[in-house]
């Protein structure tokens, strides 16, 4: 969980996608 790195930003994108999937 480090948005100052590319891997960290990618992790948050995955988290956001999972959250959106759950809402749907």
PDBML (XML) file of the C-alpha atoms, coordinates in Angstrom:
<?xml version="1.0" encoding="UTF-8" ?>
<PDBx:datablock datablockName="MODEL"
   xmlns:PDBx="http://pdbml.pdb.org/schema/pdbx-v50.xsd"
   xmlns:xsi="http://www.w3.org/2001/XMLSchema-instance"
   xsi:schemaLocation="http://pdbml.pdb.org/schema/pdbx-v50.xsd pdbx-v50.xsd">
   <PDBx:atom_siteCategory>
      <PDBx:atom_site id="1">
         <PDBx:B_iso_or_equiv>0.00</PDBx:B_iso_or_equiv>
         <PDBx:Cartn_x>0.000</PDBx:Cartn_x>
         <PDBx:Cartn_y>0.000</PDBx:Cartn_y>
         <PDBx:Cartn_z>0.000</PDBx:Cartn_z>
         <PDBx:auth_asym_id>A</PDBx:auth_asym_id>
         <PDBx:auth_atom_id>CA</PDBx:auth_atom_id>
         <PDBx:auth_comp_id>UNK</PDBx:auth_comp_id>
         <PDBx:auth_seq_id>1</PDBx:auth_seq_id>
         <PDBx:group_PDB>ATOM</PDBx:group_PDB>
         <PDBx:label_alt_id xsi:nil="true" />
         <PDBx:label_asym_id>A</PDBx:label_asym_id>
         <PDBx:label_atom_id>CA</PDBx:label_atom_id>
         <PDBx:label_comp_id>UNK</PDBx:label_comp_id>
         <PDBx:label_entity_id>1</PDBx:label_entity_id>
         <PDBx:label_seq_id>1</PDBx:label_seq_id>
         <PDBx:occupancy>1.00</PDBx:occupancy>
         <PDBx:pdbx_PDB_model_num>1</PDBx:pdbx_PDB_model_num>
         <PDBx:type_symbol>C</PDBx:type_symbol>
      </PDBx:atom_site>
      <PDBx:atom_site id="2">
         <PDBx:B_iso_or_equiv>0.00</PDBx:B_iso_or_equiv>
         <PDBx:Cartn_x>2.330</PDBx:Cartn_x>
         <PDBx:Cartn_y>2.677</PDBx:Cartn_y>
         <PDBx:Cartn_z>-1.296</PDBx:Cartn_z>
         <PDBx:auth_asym_id>A</PDBx:auth_asym_id>
         <PDBx:auth_atom_id>CA</PDBx:auth_atom_id>
         <PDBx:auth_comp_id>UNK</PDBx:auth_comp_id>
         <PDBx:auth_seq_id>2</PDBx:auth_seq_id>
         <PDBx:group_PDB>ATOM</PDBx:group_PDB>
         <PDBx:label_alt_id xsi:nil="true" />
         <PDBx:label_asym_id>A</PDBx:label_asym_id>
         <PDBx:label_atom_id>CA</PDBx:label_atom_id>
         <PDBx:label_comp_id>UNK</PDBx:label_comp_id>
         <PDBx:label_entity_id>1</PDBx:label_entity_id>
         <PDBx:label_seq_id>2</PDBx:label_seq_id>
         <PDBx:occupancy>1.00</PDBx:occupancy>
         <PDBx:pdbx_PDB_model_num>1</PDBx:pdbx_PDB_model_num>
         <PDBx:type_symbol>C</PDBx:type_symbol>
      </PDBx:atom_site>
      <PDBx:atom_site id="3">
         <PDBx:B_iso_or_equiv>0.00</PDBx:B_iso_or_equiv>
         <PDBx:Cartn_x>0.906</PDBx:Cartn_x>
         <PDBx:Cartn_y>4.992</PDBx:Cartn_y>
         <PDBx:Cartn_z>-3.955</PDBx:Cartn_z>
         <PDBx:auth_asym_id>A</PDBx:auth_asym_id>
         <PDBx:auth_atom_id>CA</PDBx:auth_atom_id>
         <PDBx:auth_comp_id>UNK</PDBx:auth_comp_id>
         <PDBx:auth_seq_id>3</PDBx:auth_seq_id>
         <PDBx:group_PDB>ATOM</PDBx:group_PDB>
         <PDBx:label_alt_id xsi:nil="true" />
         <PDBx:label_asym_id>A</PDBx:label_asym_id>
         <PDBx:label_atom_id>CA</PDBx:label_atom_id>
         <PDBx:label_comp_id>UNK</PDBx:label_comp_id>
         <PDBx:label_entity_id>1</PDBx:label_entity_id>
         <PDBx:label_seq_id>3</PDBx:label_seq_id>
         <PDBx:occupancy>1.00</PDBx:occupancy>
         <PDBx:pdbx_PDB_model_num>1</PDBx:pdbx_PDB_model_num>
         <PDBx:type_symbol>C</PDBx:type_symbol>
      </PDBx:atom_site>
      <PDBx:atom_site id="4">
         <PDBx:B_iso_or_equiv>0.00</PDBx:B_iso_or_equiv>
         <PDBx:Cartn_x>4.319</PDBx:Cartn_x>
         <PDBx:Cartn_y>6.555</PDBx:Cartn_y>
         <PDBx:Cartn_z>-4.483</PDBx:Cartn_z>
         <PDBx:auth_asym_id>A</PDBx:auth_asym_id>
         <PDBx:auth_atom_id>CA</PDBx:auth_atom_id>
         <PDBx:auth_comp_id>UNK</PDBx:auth_comp_id>
         <PDBx:auth_seq_id>4</PDBx:auth_seq_id>
         <PDBx:group_PDB>ATOM</PDBx:group_PDB>
         <PDBx:label_alt_id xsi:nil="true" />
         <PDBx:label_asym_id>A</PDBx:label_asym_id>
         <PDBx:label_atom_id>CA</PDBx:label_atom_id>
         <PDBx:label_comp_id>UNK</PDBx:label_comp_id>
         <PDBx:label_entity_id>1</PDBx:label_entity_id>
         <PDBx:label_seq_id>4</PDBx:label_seq_id>
         <PDBx:occupancy>1.00</PDBx:occupancy>
         <PDBx:pdbx_PDB_model_num>1</PDBx:pdbx_PDB_model_num>
         <PDBx:type_symbol>C</PDBx:type_symbol>
      </PDBx:atom_site>
      <PDBx:atom_site id="5">
         <PDBx:B_iso_or_equiv>0.00</PDBx:B_iso_or_equiv>
         <PDBx:Cartn_x>5.364</PDBx:Cartn_x>
         <PDBx:Cartn_y>3.391</PDBx:Cartn_y>
         <PDBx:Cartn_z>-6.380</PDBx:Cartn_z>
         <PDBx:auth_asym_id>A</PDBx:auth_asym_id>
         <PDBx:auth_atom_id>CA</PDBx:auth_atom_id>
         <PDBx:auth_comp_id>UNK</PDBx:auth_comp_id>
         <PDBx:auth_seq_id>5</PDBx:auth_seq_id>
         <PDBx:group_PDB>ATOM</PDBx:group_PDB>
         <PDBx:label_alt_id xsi:nil="true" />
         <PDBx:label_asym_id>A</PDBx:label_asym_id>
         <PDBx:label_atom_id>CA</PDBx:label_atom_id>
         <PDBx:label_comp_id>UNK</PDBx:label_comp_id>
         <PDBx:label_entity_id>1</PDBx:label_entity_id>
         <PDBx:label_seq_id>5</PDBx:label_seq_id>
         <PDBx:occupancy>1.00</PDBx:occupancy>
         <PDBx:pdbx_PDB_model_num>1</PDBx:pdbx_PDB_model_num>
         <PDBx:type_symbol>C</PDBx:type_symbol>
      </PDBx:atom_site>
      <PDBx:atom_site id="6">
         <PDBx:B_iso_or_equiv>0.00</PDBx:B_iso_or_equiv>
         <PDBx:Cartn_x>3.935</PDBx:Cartn_x>
         <PDBx:Cartn_y>1.913</PDBx:Cartn_y>
         <PDBx:Cartn_z>-9.577</PDBx:Cartn_z>
         <PDBx:auth_asym_id>A</PDBx:auth_asym_id>
         <PDBx:auth_atom_id>CA</PDBx:auth_atom_id>
         <PDBx:auth_comp_id>UNK</PDBx:auth_comp_id>
         <PDBx:auth_seq_id>6</PDBx:auth_seq_id>
         <PDBx:group_PDB>ATOM</PDBx:group_PDB>
         <PDBx:label_alt_id xsi:nil="true" />
         <PDBx:label_asym_id>A</PDBx:label_asym_id>
         <PDBx:label_atom_id>CA</PDBx:label_atom_id>
         <PDBx:label_comp_id>UNK</PDBx:label_comp_id>
         <PDBx:label_entity_id>1</PDBx:label_entity_id>
         <PDBx:label_seq_id>6</PDBx:label_seq_id>
         <PDBx:occupancy>1.00</PDBx:occupancy>
         <PDBx:pdbx_PDB_model_num>1</PDBx:pdbx_PDB_model_num>
         <PDBx:type_symbol>C</PDBx:type_symbol>
      </PDBx:atom_site>
      <PDBx:atom_site id="7">
         <PDBx:B_iso_or_equiv>0.00</PDBx:B_iso_or_equiv>
         <PDBx:Cartn_x>3.239</PDBx:Cartn_x>
         <PDBx:Cartn_y>-1.430</PDBx:Cartn_y>
         <PDBx:Cartn_z>-7.873</PDBx:Cartn_z>
         <PDBx:auth_asym_id>A</PDBx:auth_asym_id>
         <PDBx:auth_atom_id>CA</PDBx:auth_atom_id>
         <PDBx:auth_comp_id>UNK</PDBx:auth_comp_id>
         <PDBx:auth_seq_id>7</PDBx:auth_seq_id>
         <PDBx:group_PDB>ATOM</PDBx:group_PDB>
         <PDBx:label_alt_id xsi:nil="true" />
         <PDBx:label_asym_id>A</PDBx:label_asym_id>
         <PDBx:label_atom_id>CA</PDBx:label_atom_id>
         <PDBx:label_comp_id>UNK</PDBx:label_comp_id>
         <PDBx:label_entity_id>1</PDBx:label_entity_id>
         <PDBx:label_seq_id>7</PDBx:label_seq_id>
         <PDBx:occupancy>1.00</PDBx:occupancy>
         <PDBx:pdbx_PDB_model_num>1</PDBx:pdbx_PDB_model_num>
         <PDBx:type_symbol>C</PDBx:type_symbol>
      </PDBx:atom_site>
      <PDBx:atom_site id="8">
         <PDBx:B_iso_or_equiv>0.00</PDBx:B_iso_or_equiv>
         <PDBx:Cartn_x>1.428</PDBx:Cartn_x>
         <PDBx:Cartn_y>0.329</PDBx:Cartn_y>
         <PDBx:Cartn_z>-5.028</PDBx:Cartn_z>
         <PDBx:auth_asym_id>A</PDBx:auth_asym_id>
         <PDBx:auth_atom_id>CA</PDBx:auth_atom_id>
         <PDBx:auth_comp_id>UNK</PDBx:auth_comp_id>
         <PDBx:auth_seq_id>8</PDBx:auth_seq_id>
         <PDBx:group_PDB>ATOM</PDBx:group_PDB>
         <PDBx:label_alt_id xsi:nil="true" />
         <PDBx:label_asym_id>A</PDBx:label_asym_id>
         <PDBx:label_atom_id>CA</PDBx:label_atom_id>
         <PDBx:label_comp_id>UNK</PDBx:label_comp_id>
         <PDBx:label_entity_id>1</PDBx:label_entity_id>
         <PDBx:label_seq_id>8</PDBx:label_seq_id>
         <PDBx:occupancy>1.00</PDBx:occupancy>
         <PDBx:pdbx_PDB_model_num>1</PDBx:pdbx_PDB_model_num>
         <PDBx:type_symbol>C</PDBx:type_symbol>
      </PDBx:atom_site>
      <PDBx:atom_site id="9">
         <PDBx:B_iso_or_equiv>0.00</PDBx:B_iso_or_equiv>
         <PDBx:Cartn_x>-0.742</PDBx:Cartn_x>
         <PDBx:Cartn_y>2.308</PDBx:Cartn_y>
         <PDBx:Cartn_z>-7.439</PDBx:Cartn_z>
         <PDBx:auth_asym_id>A</PDBx:auth_asym_id>
         <PDBx:auth_atom_id>CA</PDBx:auth_atom_id>
         <PDBx:auth_comp_id>UNK</PDBx:auth_comp_id>
         <PDBx:auth_seq_id>9</PDBx:auth_seq_id>
         <PDBx:group_PDB>ATOM</PDBx:group_PDB>
         <PDBx:label_alt_id xsi:nil="true" />
         <PDBx:label_asym_id>A</PDBx:label_asym_id>
         <PDBx:label_atom_id>CA</PDBx:label_atom_id>
         <PDBx:label_comp_id>UNK</PDBx:label_comp_id>
         <PDBx:label_entity_id>1</PDBx:label_entity_id>
         <PDBx:label_seq_id>9</PDBx:label_seq_id>
         <PDBx:occupancy>1.00</PDBx:occupancy>
         <PDBx:pdbx_PDB_model_num>1</PDBx:pdbx_PDB_model_num>
         <PDBx:type_symbol>C</PDBx:type_symbol>
      </PDBx:atom_site>
      <PDBx:atom_site id="10">
         <PDBx:B_iso_or_equiv>0.00</PDBx:B_iso_or_equiv>
         <PDBx:Cartn_x>-1.532</PDBx:Cartn_x>
         <PDBx:Cartn_y>-0.931</PDBx:Cartn_y>
         <PDBx:Cartn_z>-9.253</PDBx:Cartn_z>
         <PDBx:auth_asym_id>A</PDBx:auth_asym_id>
         <PDBx:auth_atom_id>CA</PDBx:auth_atom_id>
         <PDBx:auth_comp_id>UNK</PDBx:auth_comp_id>
         <PDBx:auth_seq_id>10</PDBx:auth_seq_id>
         <PDBx:group_PDB>ATOM</PDBx:group_PDB>
         <PDBx:label_alt_id xsi:nil="true" />
         <PDBx:label_asym_id>A</PDBx:label_asym_id>
         <PDBx:label_atom_id>CA</PDBx:label_atom_id>
         <PDBx:label_comp_id>UNK</PDBx:label_comp_id>
         <PDBx:label_entity_id>1</PDBx:label_entity_id>
         <PDBx:label_seq_id>10</PDBx:label_seq_id>
         <PDBx:occupancy>1.00</PDBx:occupancy>
         <PDBx:pdbx_PDB_model_num>1</PDBx:pdbx_PDB_model_num>
         <PDBx:type_symbol>C</PDBx:type_symbol>
      </PDBx:atom_site>
      <PDBx:atom_site id="11">
         <PDBx:B_iso_or_equiv>0.00</PDBx:B_iso_or_equiv>
         <PDBx:Cartn_x>-2.581</PDBx:Cartn_x>
         <PDBx:Cartn_y>-2.551</PDBx:Cartn_y>
         <PDBx:Cartn_z>-5.976</PDBx:Cartn_z>
         <PDBx:auth_asym_id>A</PDBx:auth_asym_id>
         <PDBx:auth_atom_id>CA</PDBx:auth_atom_id>
         <PDBx:auth_comp_id>UNK</PDBx:auth_comp_id>
         <PDBx:auth_seq_id>11</PDBx:auth_seq_id>
         <PDBx:group_PDB>ATOM</PDBx:group_PDB>
         <PDBx:label_alt_id xsi:nil="true" />
         <PDBx:label_asym_id>A</PDBx:label_asym_id>
         <PDBx:label_atom_id>CA</PDBx:label_atom_id>
         <PDBx:label_comp_id>UNK</PDBx:label_comp_id>
         <PDBx:label_entity_id>1</PDBx:label_entity_id>
         <PDBx:label_seq_id>11</PDBx:label_seq_id>
         <PDBx:occupancy>1.00</PDBx:occupancy>
         <PDBx:pdbx_PDB_model_num>1</PDBx:pdbx_PDB_model_num>
         <PDBx:type_symbol>C</PDBx:type_symbol>
      </PDBx:atom_site>
      <PDBx:atom_site id="12">
         <PDBx:B_iso_or_equiv>0.00</PDBx:B_iso_or_equiv>
         <PDBx:Cartn_x>-5.055</PDBx:Cartn_x>
         <PDBx:Cartn_y>0.256</PDBx:Cartn_y>
         <PDBx:Cartn_z>-5.295</PDBx:Cartn_z>
         <PDBx:auth_asym_id>A</PDBx:auth_asym_id>
         <PDBx:auth_atom_id>CA</PDBx:auth_atom_id>
         <PDBx:auth_comp_id>UNK</PDBx:auth_comp_id>
         <PDBx:auth_seq_id>12</PDBx:auth_seq_id>
         <PDBx:group_PDB>ATOM</PDBx:group_PDB>
         <PDBx:label_alt_id xsi:nil="true" />
         <PDBx:label_asym_id>A</PDBx:label_asym_id>
         <PDBx:label_atom_id>CA</PDBx:label_atom_id>
         <PDBx:label_comp_id>UNK</PDBx:label_comp_id>
         <PDBx:label_entity_id>1</PDBx:label_entity_id>
         <PDBx:label_seq_id>12</PDBx:label_seq_id>
         <PDBx:occupancy>1.00</PDBx:occupancy>
         <PDBx:pdbx_PDB_model_num>1</PDBx:pdbx_PDB_model_num>
         <PDBx:type_symbol>C</PDBx:type_symbol>
      </PDBx:atom_site>
      <PDBx:atom_site id="13">
         <PDBx:B_iso_or_equiv>0.00</PDBx:B_iso_or_equiv>
         <PDBx:Cartn_x>-6.439</PDBx:Cartn_x>
         <PDBx:Cartn_y>-0.102</PDBx:Cartn_y>
         <PDBx:Cartn_z>-8.829</PDBx:Cartn_z>
         <PDBx:auth_asym_id>A</PDBx:auth_asym_id>
         <PDBx:auth_atom_id>CA</PDBx:auth_atom_id>
         <PDBx:auth_comp_id>UNK</PDBx:auth_comp_id>
         <PDBx:auth_seq_id>13</PDBx:auth_seq_id>
         <PDBx:group_PDB>ATOM</PDBx:group_PDB>
         <PDBx:label_alt_id xsi:nil="true" />
         <PDBx:label_asym_id>A</PDBx:label_asym_id>
         <PDBx:label_atom_id>CA</PDBx:label_atom_id>
         <PDBx:label_comp_id>UNK</PDBx:label_comp_id>
         <PDBx:label_entity_id>1</PDBx:label_entity_id>
         <PDBx:label_seq_id>13</PDBx:label_seq_id>
         <PDBx:occupancy>1.00</PDBx:occupancy>
         <PDBx:pdbx_PDB_model_num>1</PDBx:pdbx_PDB_model_num>
         <PDBx:type_symbol>C</PDBx:type_symbol>
      </PDBx:atom_site>
      <PDBx:atom_site id="14">
         <PDBx:B_iso_or_equiv>0.00</PDBx:B_iso_or_equiv>
         <PDBx:Cartn_x>-7.099</PDBx:Cartn_x>
         <PDBx:Cartn_y>-3.781</PDBx:Cartn_y>
         <PDBx:Cartn_z>-8.116</PDBx:Cartn_z>
         <PDBx:auth_asym_id>A</PDBx:auth_asym_id>
         <PDBx:auth_atom_id>CA</PDBx:auth_atom_id>
         <PDBx:auth_comp_id>UNK</PDBx:auth_comp_id>
         <PDBx:auth_seq_id>14</PDBx:auth_seq_id>
         <PDBx:group_PDB>ATOM</PDBx:group_PDB>
         <PDBx:label_alt_id xsi:nil="true" />
         <PDBx:label_asym_id>A</PDBx:label_asym_id>
         <PDBx:label_atom_id>CA</PDBx:label_atom_id>
         <PDBx:label_comp_id>UNK</PDBx:label_comp_id>
         <PDBx:label_entity_id>1</PDBx:label_entity_id>
         <PDBx:label_seq_id>14</PDBx:label_seq_id>
         <PDBx:occupancy>1.00</PDBx:occupancy>
         <PDBx:pdbx_PDB_model_num>1</PDBx:pdbx_PDB_model_num>
         <PDBx:type_symbol>C</PDBx:type_symbol>
      </PDBx:atom_site>
      <PDBx:atom_site id="15">
         <PDBx:B_iso_or_equiv>0.00</PDBx:B_iso_or_equiv>
         <PDBx:Cartn_x>-8.746</PDBx:Cartn_x>
         <PDBx:Cartn_y>-2.872</PDBx:Cartn_y>
         <PDBx:Cartn_z>-4.810</PDBx:Cartn_z>
         <PDBx:auth_asym_id>A</PDBx:auth_asym_id>
         <PDBx:auth_atom_id>CA</PDBx:auth_atom_id>
         <PDBx:auth_comp_id>UNK</PDBx:auth_comp_id>
         <PDBx:auth_seq_id>15</PDBx:auth_seq_id>
         <PDBx:group_PDB>ATOM</PDBx:group_PDB>
         <PDBx:label_alt_id xsi:nil="true" />
         <PDBx:label_asym_id>A</PDBx:label_asym_id>
         <PDBx:label_atom_id>CA</PDBx:label_atom_id>
         <PDBx:label_comp_id>UNK</PDBx:label_comp_id>
         <PDBx:label_entity_id>1</PDBx:label_entity_id>
         <PDBx:label_seq_id>15</PDBx:label_seq_id>
         <PDBx:occupancy>1.00</PDBx:occupancy>
         <PDBx:pdbx_PDB_model_num>1</PDBx:pdbx_PDB_model_num>
         <PDBx:type_symbol>C</PDBx:type_symbol>
      </PDBx:atom_site>
      <PDBx:atom_site id="16">
         <PDBx:B_iso_or_equiv>0.00</PDBx:B_iso_or_equiv>
         <PDBx:Cartn_x>-10.943</PDBx:Cartn_x>
         <PDBx:Cartn_y>-0.308</PDBx:Cartn_y>
         <PDBx:Cartn_z>-6.555</PDBx:Cartn_z>
         <PDBx:auth_asym_id>A</PDBx:auth_asym_id>
         <PDBx:auth_atom_id>CA</PDBx:auth_atom_id>
         <PDBx:auth_comp_id>UNK</PDBx:auth_comp_id>
         <PDBx:auth_seq_id>16</PDBx:auth_seq_id>
         <PDBx:group_PDB>ATOM</PDBx:group_PDB>
         <PDBx:label_alt_id xsi:nil="true" />
         <PDBx:label_asym_id>A</PDBx:label_asym_id>
         <PDBx:label_atom_id>CA</PDBx:label_atom_id>
         <PDBx:label_comp_id>UNK</PDBx:label_comp_id>
         <PDBx:label_entity_id>1</PDBx:label_entity_id>
         <PDBx:label_seq_id>16</PDBx:label_seq_id>
         <PDBx:occupancy>1.00</PDBx:occupancy>
         <PDBx:pdbx_PDB_model_num>1</PDBx:pdbx_PDB_model_num>
         <PDBx:type_symbol>C</PDBx:type_symbol>
      </PDBx:atom_site>
      <PDBx:atom_site id="17">
         <PDBx:B_iso_or_equiv>0.00</PDBx:B_iso_or_equiv>
         <PDBx:Cartn_x>-11.946</PDBx:Cartn_x>
         <PDBx:Cartn_y>-2.848</PDBx:Cartn_y>
         <PDBx:Cartn_z>-9.212</PDBx:Cartn_z>
         <PDBx:auth_asym_id>A</PDBx:auth_asym_id>
         <PDBx:auth_atom_id>CA</PDBx:auth_atom_id>
         <PDBx:auth_comp_id>UNK</PDBx:auth_comp_id>
         <PDBx:auth_seq_id>17</PDBx:auth_seq_id>
         <PDBx:group_PDB>ATOM</PDBx:group_PDB>
         <PDBx:label_alt_id xsi:nil="true" />
         <PDBx:label_asym_id>A</PDBx:label_asym_id>
         <PDBx:label_atom_id>CA</PDBx:label_atom_id>
         <PDBx:label_comp_id>UNK</PDBx:label_comp_id>
         <PDBx:label_entity_id>1</PDBx:label_entity_id>
         <PDBx:label_seq_id>17</PDBx:label_seq_id>
         <PDBx:occupancy>1.00</PDBx:occupancy>
         <PDBx:pdbx_PDB_model_num>1</PDBx:pdbx_PDB_model_num>
         <PDBx:type_symbol>C</PDBx:type_symbol>
      </PDBx:atom_site>
      <PDBx:atom_site id="18">
         <PDBx:B_iso_or_equiv>0.00</PDBx:B_iso_or_equiv>
         <PDBx:Cartn_x>-12.872</PDBx:Cartn_x>
         <PDBx:Cartn_y>-5.450</PDBx:Cartn_y>
         <PDBx:Cartn_z>-6.596</PDBx:Cartn_z>
         <PDBx:auth_asym_id>A</PDBx:auth_asym_id>
         <PDBx:auth_atom_id>CA</PDBx:auth_atom_id>
         <PDBx:auth_comp_id>UNK</PDBx:auth_comp_id>
         <PDBx:auth_seq_id>18</PDBx:auth_seq_id>
         <PDBx:group_PDB>ATOM</PDBx:group_PDB>
         <PDBx:label_alt_id xsi:nil="true" />
         <PDBx:label_asym_id>A</PDBx:label_asym_id>
         <PDBx:label_atom_id>CA</PDBx:label_atom_id>
         <PDBx:label_comp_id>UNK</PDBx:label_comp_id>
         <PDBx:label_entity_id>1</PDBx:label_entity_id>
         <PDBx:label_seq_id>18</PDBx:label_seq_id>
         <PDBx:occupancy>1.00</PDBx:occupancy>
         <PDBx:pdbx_PDB_model_num>1</PDBx:pdbx_PDB_model_num>
         <PDBx:type_symbol>C</PDBx:type_symbol>
      </PDBx:atom_site>
      <PDBx:atom_site id="19">
         <PDBx:B_iso_or_equiv>0.00</PDBx:B_iso_or_equiv>
         <PDBx:Cartn_x>-14.907</PDBx:Cartn_x>
         <PDBx:Cartn_y>-2.852</PDBx:Cartn_y>
         <PDBx:Cartn_z>-4.696</PDBx:Cartn_z>
         <PDBx:auth_asym_id>A</PDBx:auth_asym_id>
         <PDBx:auth_atom_id>CA</PDBx:auth_atom_id>
         <PDBx:auth_comp_id>UNK</PDBx:auth_comp_id>
         <PDBx:auth_seq_id>19</PDBx:auth_seq_id>
         <PDBx:group_PDB>ATOM</PDBx:group_PDB>
         <PDBx:label_alt_id xsi:nil="true" />
         <PDBx:label_asym_id>A</PDBx:label_asym_id>
         <PDBx:label_atom_id>CA</PDBx:label_atom_id>
         <PDBx:label_comp_id>UNK</PDBx:label_comp_id>
         <PDBx:label_entity_id>1</PDBx:label_entity_id>
         <PDBx:label_seq_id>19</PDBx:label_seq_id>
         <PDBx:occupancy>1.00</PDBx:occupancy>
         <PDBx:pdbx_PDB_model_num>1</PDBx:pdbx_PDB_model_num>
         <PDBx:type_symbol>C</PDBx:type_symbol>
      </PDBx:atom_site>
      <PDBx:atom_site id="20">
         <PDBx:B_iso_or_equiv>0.00</PDBx:B_iso_or_equiv>
         <PDBx:Cartn_x>-16.756</PDBx:Cartn_x>
         <PDBx:Cartn_y>-1.814</PDBx:Cartn_y>
         <PDBx:Cartn_z>-7.868</PDBx:Cartn_z>
         <PDBx:auth_asym_id>A</PDBx:auth_asym_id>
         <PDBx:auth_atom_id>CA</PDBx:auth_atom_id>
         <PDBx:auth_comp_id>UNK</PDBx:auth_comp_id>
         <PDBx:auth_seq_id>20</PDBx:auth_seq_id>
         <PDBx:group_PDB>ATOM</PDBx:group_PDB>
         <PDBx:label_alt_id xsi:nil="true" />
         <PDBx:label_asym_id>A</PDBx:label_asym_id>
         <PDBx:label_atom_id>CA</PDBx:label_atom_id>
         <PDBx:label_comp_id>UNK</PDBx:label_comp_id>
         <PDBx:label_entity_id>1</PDBx:label_entity_id>
         <PDBx:label_seq_id>20</PDBx:label_seq_id>
         <PDBx:occupancy>1.00</PDBx:occupancy>
         <PDBx:pdbx_PDB_model_num>1</PDBx:pdbx_PDB_model_num>
         <PDBx:type_symbol>C</PDBx:type_symbol>
      </PDBx:atom_site>
      <PDBx:atom_site id="21">
         <PDBx:B_iso_or_equiv>0.00</PDBx:B_iso_or_equiv>
         <PDBx:Cartn_x>-17.428</PDBx:Cartn_x>
         <PDBx:Cartn_y>-5.477</PDBx:Cartn_y>
         <PDBx:Cartn_z>-8.692</PDBx:Cartn_z>
         <PDBx:auth_asym_id>A</PDBx:auth_asym_id>
         <PDBx:auth_atom_id>CA</PDBx:auth_atom_id>
         <PDBx:auth_comp_id>UNK</PDBx:auth_comp_id>
         <PDBx:auth_seq_id>21</PDBx:auth_seq_id>
         <PDBx:group_PDB>ATOM</PDBx:group_PDB>
         <PDBx:label_alt_id xsi:nil="true" />
         <PDBx:label_asym_id>A</PDBx:label_asym_id>
         <PDBx:label_atom_id>CA</PDBx:label_atom_id>
         <PDBx:label_comp_id>UNK</PDBx:label_comp_id>
         <PDBx:label_entity_id>1</PDBx:label_entity_id>
         <PDBx:label_seq_id>21</PDBx:label_seq_id>
         <PDBx:occupancy>1.00</PDBx:occupancy>
         <PDBx:pdbx_PDB_model_num>1</PDBx:pdbx_PDB_model_num>
         <PDBx:type_symbol>C</PDBx:type_symbol>
      </PDBx:atom_site>
      <PDBx:atom_site id="22">
         <PDBx:B_iso_or_equiv>0.00</PDBx:B_iso_or_equiv>
         <PDBx:Cartn_x>-18.886</PDBx:Cartn_x>
         <PDBx:Cartn_y>-5.985</PDBx:Cartn_y>
         <PDBx:Cartn_z>-5.212</PDBx:Cartn_z>
         <PDBx:auth_asym_id>A</PDBx:auth_asym_id>
         <PDBx:auth_atom_id>CA</PDBx:auth_atom_id>
         <PDBx:auth_comp_id>UNK</PDBx:auth_comp_id>
         <PDBx:auth_seq_id>22</PDBx:auth_seq_id>
         <PDBx:group_PDB>ATOM</PDBx:group_PDB>
         <PDBx:label_alt_id xsi:nil="true" />
         <PDBx:label_asym_id>A</PDBx:label_asym_id>
         <PDBx:label_atom_id>CA</PDBx:label_atom_id>
         <PDBx:label_comp_id>UNK</PDBx:label_comp_id>
         <PDBx:label_entity_id>1</PDBx:label_entity_id>
         <PDBx:label_seq_id>22</PDBx:label_seq_id>
         <PDBx:occupancy>1.00</PDBx:occupancy>
         <PDBx:pdbx_PDB_model_num>1</PDBx:pdbx_PDB_model_num>
         <PDBx:type_symbol>C</PDBx:type_symbol>
      </PDBx:atom_site>
      <PDBx:atom_site id="23">
         <PDBx:B_iso_or_equiv>0.00</PDBx:B_iso_or_equiv>
         <PDBx:Cartn_x>-21.130</PDBx:Cartn_x>
         <PDBx:Cartn_y>-2.915</PDBx:Cartn_y>
         <PDBx:Cartn_z>-5.572</PDBx:Cartn_z>
         <PDBx:auth_asym_id>A</PDBx:auth_asym_id>
         <PDBx:auth_atom_id>CA</PDBx:auth_atom_id>
         <PDBx:auth_comp_id>UNK</PDBx:auth_comp_id>
         <PDBx:auth_seq_id>23</PDBx:auth_seq_id>
         <PDBx:group_PDB>ATOM</PDBx:group_PDB>
         <PDBx:label_alt_id xsi:nil="true" />
         <PDBx:label_asym_id>A</PDBx:label_asym_id>
         <PDBx:label_atom_id>CA</PDBx:label_atom_id>
         <PDBx:label_comp_id>UNK</PDBx:label_comp_id>
         <PDBx:label_entity_id>1</PDBx:label_entity_id>
         <PDBx:label_seq_id>23</PDBx:label_seq_id>
         <PDBx:occupancy>1.00</PDBx:occupancy>
         <PDBx:pdbx_PDB_model_num>1</PDBx:pdbx_PDB_model_num>
         <PDBx:type_symbol>C</PDBx:type_symbol>
      </PDBx:atom_site>
      <PDBx:atom_site id="24">
         <PDBx:B_iso_or_equiv>0.00</PDBx:B_iso_or_equiv>
         <PDBx:Cartn_x>-22.400</PDBx:Cartn_x>
         <PDBx:Cartn_y>-4.188</PDBx:Cartn_y>
         <PDBx:Cartn_z>-8.932</PDBx:Cartn_z>
         <PDBx:auth_asym_id>A</PDBx:auth_asym_id>
         <PDBx:auth_atom_id>CA</PDBx:auth_atom_id>
         <PDBx:auth_comp_id>UNK</PDBx:auth_comp_id>
         <PDBx:auth_seq_id>24</PDBx:auth_seq_id>
         <PDBx:group_PDB>ATOM</PDBx:group_PDB>
         <PDBx:label_alt_id xsi:nil="true" />
         <PDBx:label_asym_id>A</PDBx:label_asym_id>
         <PDBx:label_atom_id>CA</PDBx:label_atom_id>
         <PDBx:label_comp_id>UNK</PDBx:label_comp_id>
         <PDBx:label_entity_id>1</PDBx:label_entity_id>
         <PDBx:label_seq_id>24</PDBx:label_seq_id>
         <PDBx:occupancy>1.00</PDBx:occupancy>
         <PDBx:pdbx_PDB_model_num>1</PDBx:pdbx_PDB_model_num>
         <PDBx:type_symbol>C</PDBx:type_symbol>
      </PDBx:atom_site>
   </PDBx:atom_siteCategory>
</PDBx:datablock>
